[in-house]
Amino acid sequence: MRTVITVFAVDSALRRVCAIFSAQADRGDITPTERDLLMDGAIMLAMHVDELARDSLAAPDPVWPQGAHSKPFGRHERQAVAVAA
């Protein structure tokens, strides 16, 4: 039963993420090429979600880096961040 629930949850999340990327590309926040790469990455991640879940059970709690950004950068902001770093 757990596998079926996982598949439905992952499928639903993947559909939502792809819709978000498509909307961002439609608005011009990201390019169609960036959209395609992000979708490919999301699909690859979804294909390995069970493996990642097993690994996370064996690993200690993750430590998140300080200063993690709460919202994504748009194309116009990426260069400024790269220059500042």
C-alpha atoms as a PDB file:
ATOM      1  CA  MET A   1       0.000   0.000   0.000  1.00  0.00           C
ATOM      2  CA  ARG A   2       2.860   2.402   0.810  1.00  0.00           C
ATOM      3  CA  THR A   3       4.281   2.101  -2.721  1.00  0.00           C
ATOM      4  CA  VAL A   4       0.957   3.037  -4.323  1.00  0.00           C
ATOM      5  CA  ILE A   5       0.599   6.097  -2.099  1.00  0.00           C
ATOM      6  CA  THR A   6       4.189   7.124  -2.861  1.00  0.00           C
ATOM      7  CA  VAL A   7       3.617   6.804  -6.607  1.00  0.00           C
ATOM      8  CA  PHE A   8       0.463   8.935  -6.491  1.00  0.00           C
ATOM      9  CA  ALA A   9       2.108  11.564  -4.283  1.00  0.00           C
ATOM     10  CA  VAL A  10       5.208  11.763  -6.485  1.00  0.00           C
ATOM     11  CA  ASP A  11       3.122  11.886  -9.664  1.00  0.00           C
ATOM     12  CA  SER A  12       0.964  14.669  -8.260  1.00  0.00           C
ATOM     13  CA  ALA A  13       3.989  16.653  -7.072  1.00  0.00           C
ATOM     14  CA  LEU A  14       5.734  16.195 -10.420  1.00  0.00           C
ATOM     15  CA  ARG A  15       2.692  17.442 -12.326  1.00  0.00           C
ATOM     16  CA  ARG A  16       2.466  20.494 -10.061  1.00  0.00           C
ATOM     17  CA  VAL A  17       6.181  21.299 -10.376  1.00  0.00           C
ATOM     18  CA  CYS A  18       6.051  21.011 -14.170  1.00  0.00           C
ATOM     19  CA  ALA A  19       2.991  23.296 -14.252  1.00  0.00           C
ATOM     20  CA  ILE A  20       4.860  25.850 -12.119  1.00  0.00           C
ATOM     21  CA  PHE A  21       7.878  25.737 -14.452  1.00  0.00           C
ATOM     22  CA  SER A  22       5.612  26.148 -17.490  1.00  0.00           C
ATOM     23  CA  ALA A  23       3.888  29.148 -15.912  1.00  0.00           C
ATOM     24  CA  GLN A  24       7.249  30.724 -15.101  1.00  0.00           C
ATOM     25  CA  ALA A  25       8.374  30.253 -18.696  1.00  0.00           C
ATOM     26  CA  ASP A  26       5.102  31.727 -19.979  1.00  0.00           C
ATOM     27  CA  ARG A  27       5.639  34.807 -17.793  1.00  0.00           C
ATOM     28  CA  GLY A  28       9.245  35.139 -18.977  1.00  0.00           C
ATOM     29  CA  ASP A  29      10.744  34.471 -15.541  1.00  0.00           C
ATOM     30  CA  ILE A  30      12.753  31.597 -17.027  1.00  0.00           C
ATOM     31  CA  THR A  31      13.606  30.650 -20.600  1.00  0.00           C
ATOM     32  CA  PRO A  32      12.043  27.645 -22.319  1.00  0.00           C
ATOM     33  CA  THR A  33      15.455  25.951 -22.172  1.00  0.00           C
ATOM     34  CA  GLU A  34      15.660  26.526 -18.413  1.00  0.00           C
ATOM     35  CA  ARG A  35      12.106  25.185 -18.081  1.00  0.00           C
ATOM     36  CA  ASP A  36      13.034  22.022 -19.968  1.00  0.00           C
ATOM     37  CA  LEU A  37      16.166  21.478 -17.869  1.00  0.00           C
ATOM     38  CA  LEU A  38      14.246  22.002 -14.630  1.00  0.00           C
ATOM     39  CA  MET A  39      11.542  19.573 -15.747  1.00  0.00           C
ATOM     40  CA  ASP A  40      14.178  16.990 -16.696  1.00  0.00           C
ATOM     41  CA  GLY A  41      15.760  17.368 -13.259  1.00  0.00           C
ATOM     42  CA  ALA A  42      12.388  17.018 -11.522  1.00  0.00           C
ATOM     43  CA  ILE A  43      11.652  13.853 -13.495  1.00  0.00           C
ATOM     44  CA  MET A  44      15.067  12.394 -12.639  1.00  0.00           C
ATOM     45  CA  LEU A  45      14.525  13.226  -8.970  1.00  0.00           C
ATOM     46  CA  ALA A  46      11.077  11.633  -9.030  1.00  0.00           C
ATOM     47  CA  MET A  47      12.545   8.455 -10.529  1.00  0.00           C
ATOM     48  CA  HIS A  48      14.834   8.086  -7.488  1.00  0.00           C
ATOM     49  CA  VAL A  49      12.523   9.209  -4.690  1.00  0.00           C
ATOM     50  CA  ASP A  50      12.355   5.772  -3.035  1.00  0.00           C
ATOM     51  CA  GLU A  51      16.137   5.471  -3.042  1.00  0.00           C
ATOM     52  CA  LEU A  52      16.473   8.957  -1.572  1.00  0.00           C
ATOM     53  CA  ALA A  53      13.932   8.127   1.138  1.00  0.00           C
ATOM     54  CA  ARG A  54      15.931   5.035   2.144  1.00  0.00           C
ATOM     55  CA  ASP A  55      19.143   7.087   2.258  1.00  0.00           C
ATOM     56  CA  SER A  56      17.530   9.785   4.394  1.00  0.00           C
ATOM     57  CA  LEU A  57      16.420   7.242   6.976  1.00  0.00           C
ATOM     58  CA  ALA A  58      20.036   6.175   7.447  1.00  0.00           C
ATOM     59  CA  ALA A  59      21.469   9.714   7.503  1.00  0.00           C
ATOM     60  CA  PRO A  60      21.411  12.208  10.391  1.00  0.00           C
ATOM     61  CA  ASP A  61      19.195  15.298  10.204  1.00  0.00           C
ATOM     62  CA  PRO A  62      20.269  17.601   7.355  1.00  0.00           C
ATOM     63  CA  VAL A  63      21.980  20.842   8.201  1.00  0.00           C
ATOM     64  CA  TRP A  64      20.675  23.657   6.016  1.00  0.00           C
ATOM     65  CA  PRO A  65      23.162  26.346   4.961  1.00  0.00           C
ATOM     66  CA  GLN A  66      22.813  29.728   6.593  1.00  0.00           C
ATOM     67  CA  GLY A  67      21.206  32.385   4.485  1.00  0.00           C
ATOM     68  CA  ALA A  68      19.141  30.026   2.332  1.00  0.00           C
ATOM     69  CA  HIS A  69      16.953  32.096   0.025  1.00  0.00           C
ATOM     70  CA  SER A  70      13.220  31.944   0.598  1.00  0.00           C
ATOM     71  CA  LYS A  71      12.251  32.800  -2.973  1.00  0.00           C
ATOM     72  CA  PRO A  72      13.805  31.842  -6.311  1.00  0.00           C
ATOM     73  CA  PHE A  73      15.961  34.218  -8.272  1.00  0.00           C
ATOM     74  CA  GLY A  74      14.725  35.504 -11.592  1.00  0.00           C
ATOM     75  CA  ARG A  75      17.080  35.775 -14.559  1.00  0.00           C
ATOM     76  CA  HIS A  76      17.581  39.484 -13.875  1.00  0.00           C
ATOM     77  CA  GLU A  77      18.731  38.742 -10.309  1.00  0.00           C
ATOM     78  CA  ARG A  78      21.105  35.839 -11.012  1.00  0.00           C
ATOM     79  CA  GLN A  79      23.948  37.931 -12.411  1.00  0.00           C
ATOM     80  CA  ALA A  80      23.867  40.341  -9.470  1.00  0.00           C
ATOM     81  CA  VAL A  81      24.051  37.441  -7.015  1.00  0.00           C
ATOM     82  CA  ALA A  82      26.881  35.792  -8.967  1.00  0.00           C
ATOM     83  CA  VAL A  83      28.868  39.042  -8.993  1.00  0.00           C
ATOM     84  CA  ALA A  84      28.266  39.565  -5.251  1.00  0.00           C
ATOM     85  CA  ALA A  85      29.513  36.046  -4.445  1.00  0.00           C
END
